Amino acid sequence: MPWPRWPPPPPPLQHHHPGGADCACCLAAPSSLHQTLSELDHSRSAAAAAAAGDLARLRTMIDRDPRAGVAPPRGSSDGFTPLHHASRAGSAAAVSMLLAAGADPNAETAAGKATPLHRAAFAGHAEASRLLLRAGADAARGDADGETAAFKAASQVSRLFSLSCFFTCCRG
């Protein structure tokens, strides 16, 4: 009978490496420090620049490839264009730049059928909403739930009013 090994081996995926060295088992474990390829593509896209309001980077990308300001990021299947991202973030300057580059103010997302106007209105960004409307955004268009941009804005106002009442009137 073989002698038992002492000390016993550590349990898998909870072991310690001398000097902090990585091994194949640790490298294969998921980590919040690792990005997927689609996340990396997105972080380098015009959509990310638009969401961040990084106008210099966005201008450079549009100048290099005019489609960068119009189309969803490479590898994206959700239909969110850079204009959706700029509208949701409320970056009026990015919205203006993207519209001037030919972005469609009525582009729809794949699943929710949300337009940039839906995103701006839901987030309460009045200037971005005005720019989109001036560029021809359809205020009467409903999303997949049949909700218009005005309904999205009103529901947010109602929700915020309810929270305000709760915190001012209902403190126990």
C-alpha atoms as a PDB file:
ATOM      1  CA  MET A   1       0.000   0.000   0.000  1.00  0.00           C
ATOM      2  CA  PRO A   2       1.473   3.393  -0.968  1.00  0.00           C
ATOM      3  CA  TRP A   3       2.034   5.945   1.725  1.00  0.00           C
ATOM      4  CA  PRO A   4      -0.411   8.873   1.704  1.00  0.00           C
ATOM      5  CA  ARG A   5       1.035  12.071   0.303  1.00  0.00           C
ATOM      6  CA  TRP A   6       1.687  14.724   2.920  1.00  0.00           C
ATOM      7  CA  PRO A   7       0.634  17.457   2.842  1.00  0.00           C
ATOM      8  CA  PRO A   8      -2.434  16.597   0.785  1.00  0.00           C
ATOM      9  CA  PRO A   9      -2.803  18.351  -2.577  1.00  0.00           C
ATOM     10  CA  PRO A  10      -4.884  21.542  -2.516  1.00  0.00           C
ATOM     11  CA  PRO A  11      -8.397  21.477  -3.933  1.00  0.00           C
ATOM     12  CA  PRO A  12      -8.679  22.454  -7.613  1.00  0.00           C
ATOM     13  CA  LEU A  13      -9.050  26.162  -8.521  1.00  0.00           C
ATOM     14  CA  GLN A  14      -8.328  27.173  -4.946  1.00  0.00           C
ATOM     15  CA  HIS A  15      -4.648  26.491  -4.858  1.00  0.00           C
ATOM     16  CA  HIS A  16      -1.693  28.773  -4.291  1.00  0.00           C
ATOM     17  CA  HIS A  17       1.261  29.191  -6.621  1.00  0.00           C
ATOM     18  CA  PRO A  18       4.599  30.120  -5.114  1.00  0.00           C
ATOM     19  CA  GLY A  19       5.552  33.574  -6.344  1.00  0.00           C
ATOM     20  CA  GLY A  20       2.032  34.144  -7.727  1.00  0.00           C
ATOM     21  CA  ALA A  21       2.773  32.265 -10.955  1.00  0.00           C
ATOM     22  CA  ASP A  22      -0.172  31.483 -13.217  1.00  0.00           C
ATOM     23  CA  CYS A  23      -0.851  28.009 -14.523  1.00  0.00           C
ATOM     24  CA  ALA A  24      -3.206  26.671 -17.169  1.00  0.00           C
ATOM     25  CA  CYS A  25      -5.951  25.989 -14.637  1.00  0.00           C
ATOM     26  CA  CYS A  26      -5.899  29.567 -13.347  1.00  0.00           C
ATOM     27  CA  LEU A  27      -5.672  31.120 -16.785  1.00  0.00           C
ATOM     28  CA  ALA A  28      -8.728  29.166 -17.919  1.00  0.00           C
ATOM     29  CA  ALA A  29     -10.812  30.305 -14.949  1.00  0.00           C
ATOM     30  CA  PRO A  30     -13.164  33.199 -15.759  1.00  0.00           C
ATOM     31  CA  SER A  31     -12.153  36.546 -14.371  1.00  0.00           C
ATOM     32  CA  SER A  32     -13.614  40.034 -14.301  1.00  0.00           C
ATOM     33  CA  LEU A  33     -10.206  41.248 -15.420  1.00  0.00           C
ATOM     34  CA  HIS A  34     -10.488  39.579 -18.824  1.00  0.00           C
ATOM     35  CA  GLN A  35     -12.454  41.019 -21.735  1.00  0.00           C
ATOM     36  CA  THR A  36     -14.210  39.024 -24.385  1.00  0.00           C
ATOM     37  CA  LEU A  37     -13.379  39.811 -27.993  1.00  0.00           C
ATOM     38  CA  SER A  38     -16.748  41.500 -28.481  1.00  0.00           C
ATOM     39  CA  GLU A  39     -16.154  43.675 -25.411  1.00  0.00           C
ATOM     40  CA  LEU A  40     -12.732  44.601 -26.740  1.00  0.00           C
ATOM     41  CA  ASP A  41     -14.189  45.414 -30.175  1.00  0.00           C
ATOM     42  CA  HIS A  42     -16.833  47.579 -28.535  1.00  0.00           C
ATOM     43  CA  SER A  43     -14.322  49.463 -26.381  1.00  0.00           C
ATOM     44  CA  ARG A  44     -12.429  50.421 -29.533  1.00  0.00           C
ATOM     45  CA  SER A  45     -15.535  51.366 -31.522  1.00  0.00           C
ATOM     46  CA  ALA A  46     -17.198  54.629 -32.475  1.00  0.00           C
ATOM     47  CA  ALA A  47     -20.084  53.534 -30.226  1.00  0.00           C
ATOM     48  CA  ALA A  48     -17.805  53.607 -27.178  1.00  0.00           C
ATOM     49  CA  ALA A  49     -16.374  56.991 -28.189  1.00  0.00           C
ATOM     50  CA  ALA A  50     -19.924  58.320 -28.685  1.00  0.00           C
ATOM     51  CA  ALA A  51     -21.068  56.983 -25.307  1.00  0.00           C
ATOM     52  CA  ALA A  52     -18.083  58.593 -23.605  1.00  0.00           C
ATOM     53  CA  GLY A  53     -18.562  61.879 -25.450  1.00  0.00           C
ATOM     54  CA  ASP A  54     -14.995  61.568 -26.762  1.00  0.00           C
ATOM     55  CA  LEU A  55     -15.466  63.898 -29.723  1.00  0.00           C
ATOM     56  CA  ALA A  56     -11.832  63.899 -30.874  1.00  0.00           C
ATOM     57  CA  ARG A  57     -11.717  60.107 -31.059  1.00  0.00           C
ATOM     58  CA  LEU A  58     -15.152  59.962 -32.675  1.00  0.00           C
ATOM     59  CA  ARG A  59     -14.132  62.529 -35.324  1.00  0.00           C
ATOM     60  CA  THR A  60     -10.942  60.580 -36.085  1.00  0.00           C
ATOM     61  CA  MET A  61     -12.910  57.351 -36.515  1.00  0.00           C
ATOM     62  CA  ILE A  62     -15.510  58.962 -38.788  1.00  0.00           C
ATOM     63  CA  ASP A  63     -12.786  60.635 -40.868  1.00  0.00           C
ATOM     64  CA  ARG A  64     -11.031  57.276 -41.314  1.00  0.00           C
ATOM     65  CA  ASP A  65     -14.227  55.368 -42.103  1.00  0.00           C
ATOM     66  CA  PRO A  66     -17.503  57.249 -42.582  1.00  0.00           C
ATOM     67  CA  ARG A  67     -19.478  54.044 -41.850  1.00  0.00           C
ATOM     68  CA  ALA A  68     -18.007  53.971 -38.329  1.00  0.00           C
ATOM     69  CA  GLY A  69     -20.422  56.678 -37.229  1.00  0.00           C
ATOM     70  CA  VAL A  70     -23.434  55.034 -38.849  1.00  0.00           C
ATOM     71  CA  ALA A  71     -23.263  51.271 -38.345  1.00  0.00           C
ATOM     72  CA  PRO A  72     -23.326  49.194 -35.155  1.00  0.00           C
ATOM     73  CA  PRO A  73     -19.860  48.133 -33.932  1.00  0.00           C
ATOM     74  CA  ARG A  74     -18.235  45.170 -35.688  1.00  0.00           C
ATOM     75  CA  GLY A  75     -19.463  41.882 -34.276  1.00  0.00           C
ATOM     76  CA  SER A  76     -22.465  43.487 -32.600  1.00  0.00           C
ATOM     77  CA  SER A  77     -25.840  41.931 -33.267  1.00  0.00           C
ATOM     78  CA  ASP A  78     -27.927  44.093 -30.935  1.00  0.00           C
ATOM     79  CA  GLY A  79     -28.398  46.912 -33.460  1.00  0.00           C
ATOM     80  CA  PHE A  80     -27.203  49.676 -31.134  1.00  0.00           C
ATOM     81  CA  THR A  81     -25.515  52.273 -33.352  1.00  0.00           C
ATOM     82  CA  PRO A  82     -23.104  54.953 -32.147  1.00  0.00           C
ATOM     83  CA  LEU A  83     -26.101  57.330 -32.285  1.00  0.00           C
ATOM     84  CA  HIS A  84     -28.008  55.136 -29.803  1.00  0.00           C
ATOM     85  CA  HIS A  85     -25.020  55.272 -27.442  1.00  0.00           C
ATOM     86  CA  ALA A  86     -24.518  59.050 -27.761  1.00  0.00           C
ATOM     87  CA  SER A  87     -28.265  59.623 -27.289  1.00  0.00           C
ATOM     88  CA  ARG A  88     -28.460  57.437 -24.193  1.00  0.00           C
ATOM     89  CA  ALA A  89     -25.411  59.222 -22.743  1.00  0.00           C
ATOM     90  CA  GLY A  90     -26.865  62.632 -23.550  1.00  0.00           C
ATOM     91  CA  SER A  91     -23.839  63.837 -25.501  1.00  0.00           C
ATOM     92  CA  ALA A  92     -25.514  66.450 -27.694  1.00  0.00           C
ATOM     93  CA  ALA A  93     -22.216  67.252 -29.429  1.00  0.00           C
ATOM     94  CA  ALA A  94     -21.693  63.573 -30.337  1.00  0.00           C
ATOM     95  CA  VAL A  95     -25.323  63.286 -31.481  1.00  0.00           C
ATOM     96  CA  SER A  96     -24.849  66.330 -33.708  1.00  0.00           C
ATOM     97  CA  MET A  97     -21.589  64.971 -35.145  1.00  0.00           C
ATOM     98  CA  LEU A  98     -23.102  61.574 -35.887  1.00  0.00           C
ATOM     99  CA  LEU A  99     -26.195  63.055 -37.535  1.00  0.00           C
ATOM    100  CA  ALA A 100     -23.948  65.242 -39.707  1.00  0.00           C
ATOM    101  CA  ALA A 101     -22.033  62.080 -40.677  1.00  0.00           C
ATOM    102  CA  GLY A 102     -25.255  60.458 -41.903  1.00  0.00           C
ATOM    103  CA  ALA A 103     -26.428  58.448 -38.886  1.00  0.00           C
ATOM    104  CA  ASP A 104     -30.081  57.385 -39.105  1.00  0.00           C
ATOM    105  CA  PRO A 105     -32.188  59.022 -36.353  1.00  0.00           C
ATOM    106  CA  ASN A 106     -34.750  56.221 -36.786  1.00  0.00           C
ATOM    107  CA  ALA A 107     -32.375  53.228 -36.564  1.00  0.00           C
ATOM    108  CA  GLU A 108     -33.893  50.453 -34.449  1.00  0.00           C
ATOM    109  CA  THR A 109     -32.246  48.028 -32.068  1.00  0.00           C
ATOM    110  CA  ALA A 110     -32.681  44.356 -32.913  1.00  0.00           C
ATOM    111  CA  ALA A 111     -34.722  43.118 -29.982  1.00  0.00           C
ATOM    112  CA  GLY A 112     -36.413  46.152 -28.452  1.00  0.00           C
ATOM    113  CA  LYS A 113     -36.924  48.196 -31.633  1.00  0.00           C
ATOM    114  CA  ALA A 114     -35.683  51.247 -29.688  1.00  0.00           C
ATOM    115  CA  THR A 115     -34.573  54.286 -31.667  1.00  0.00           C
ATOM    116  CA  PRO A 116     -31.977  56.841 -30.556  1.00  0.00           C
ATOM    117  CA  LEU A 117     -34.925  59.092 -29.617  1.00  0.00           C
ATOM    118  CA  HIS A 118     -36.303  56.385 -27.303  1.00  0.00           C
ATOM    119  CA  ARG A 119     -32.901  56.152 -25.617  1.00  0.00           C
ATOM    120  CA  ALA A 120     -32.459  59.933 -25.216  1.00  0.00           C
ATOM    121  CA  ALA A 121     -36.027  60.458 -23.961  1.00  0.00           C
ATOM    122  CA  PHE A 122     -35.834  57.550 -21.505  1.00  0.00           C
ATOM    123  CA  ALA A 123     -32.628  59.009 -20.054  1.00  0.00           C
ATOM    124  CA  GLY A 124     -34.106  62.517 -19.891  1.00  0.00           C
ATOM    125  CA  HIS A 125     -31.714  64.156 -22.349  1.00  0.00           C
ATOM    126  CA  ALA A 126     -33.735  67.047 -23.801  1.00  0.00           C
ATOM    127  CA  GLU A 127     -31.034  68.568 -26.035  1.00  0.00           C
ATOM    128  CA  ALA A 128     -30.157  65.228 -27.627  1.00  0.00           C
ATOM    129  CA  SER A 129     -33.894  64.606 -28.146  1.00  0.00           C
ATOM    130  CA  ARG A 130     -34.325  68.023 -29.814  1.00  0.00           C
ATOM    131  CA  LEU A 131     -31.421  67.337 -32.182  1.00  0.00           C
ATOM    132  CA  LEU A 132     -32.865  63.960 -33.131  1.00  0.00           C
ATOM    133  CA  LEU A 133     -36.325  65.422 -33.760  1.00  0.00           C
ATOM    134  CA  ARG A 134     -34.862  68.199 -35.938  1.00  0.00           C
ATOM    135  CA  ALA A 135     -33.016  65.509 -37.920  1.00  0.00           C
ATOM    136  CA  GLY A 136     -36.265  63.655 -38.658  1.00  0.00           C
ATOM    137  CA  ALA A 137     -36.647  61.210 -35.770  1.00  0.00           C
ATOM    138  CA  ASP A 138     -40.176  59.796 -35.750  1.00  0.00           C
ATOM    139  CA  ALA A 139     -41.730  60.832 -32.430  1.00  0.00           C
ATOM    140  CA  ALA A 140     -44.778  58.616 -33.062  1.00  0.00           C
ATOM    141  CA  ARG A 141     -42.797  55.403 -33.576  1.00  0.00           C
ATOM    142  CA  GLY A 142     -43.290  52.812 -30.869  1.00  0.00           C
ATOM    143  CA  ASP A 143     -40.700  50.328 -29.659  1.00  0.00           C
ATOM    144  CA  ALA A 144     -41.323  46.576 -29.302  1.00  0.00           C
ATOM    145  CA  ASP A 145     -43.646  47.325 -26.366  1.00  0.00           C
ATOM    146  CA  GLY A 146     -45.537  49.936 -28.388  1.00  0.00           C
ATOM    147  CA  GLU A 147     -44.137  52.776 -26.250  1.00  0.00           C
ATOM    148  CA  THR A 148     -43.209  56.082 -27.899  1.00  0.00           C
ATOM    149  CA  ALA A 149     -40.294  58.276 -26.862  1.00  0.00           C
ATOM    150  CA  ALA A 150     -42.742  60.646 -25.149  1.00  0.00           C
ATOM    151  CA  PHE A 151     -44.124  57.739 -23.115  1.00  0.00           C
ATOM    152  CA  LYS A 152     -40.581  56.730 -22.150  1.00  0.00           C
ATOM    153  CA  ALA A 153     -39.826  60.276 -20.960  1.00  0.00           C
ATOM    154  CA  ALA A 154     -43.116  60.550 -19.059  1.00  0.00           C
ATOM    155  CA  SER A 155     -42.627  57.192 -17.344  1.00  0.00           C
ATOM    156  CA  GLN A 156     -39.225  58.315 -16.111  1.00  0.00           C
ATOM    157  CA  VAL A 157     -40.625  61.614 -14.835  1.00  0.00           C
ATOM    158  CA  SER A 158     -43.388  59.711 -13.069  1.00  0.00           C
ATOM    159  CA  ARG A 159     -40.907  57.282 -11.549  1.00  0.00           C
ATOM    160  CA  LEU A 160     -38.638  60.101 -10.363  1.00  0.00           C
ATOM    161  CA  PHE A 161     -41.606  62.022  -8.947  1.00  0.00           C
ATOM    162  CA  SER A 162     -42.706  58.912  -7.051  1.00  0.00           C
ATOM    163  CA  LEU A 163     -39.214  58.460  -5.616  1.00  0.00           C
ATOM    164  CA  SER A 164     -39.044  62.138  -4.688  1.00  0.00           C
ATOM    165  CA  CYS A 165     -42.384  61.876  -2.875  1.00  0.00           C
ATOM    166  CA  PHE A 166     -41.229  58.757  -1.090  1.00  0.00           C
ATOM    167  CA  PHE A 167     -38.039  60.384   0.187  1.00  0.00           C
ATOM    168  CA  THR A 168     -39.680  63.681   1.180  1.00  0.00           C
ATOM    169  CA  CYS A 169     -43.140  62.606   2.348  1.00  0.00           C
ATOM    170  CA  CYS A 170     -42.871  59.028   3.489  1.00  0.00           C
ATOM    171  CA  ARG A 171     -39.809  58.996   5.691  1.00  0.00           C
ATOM    172  CA  GLY A 172     -40.681  57.073   8.761  1.00  0.00           C
END
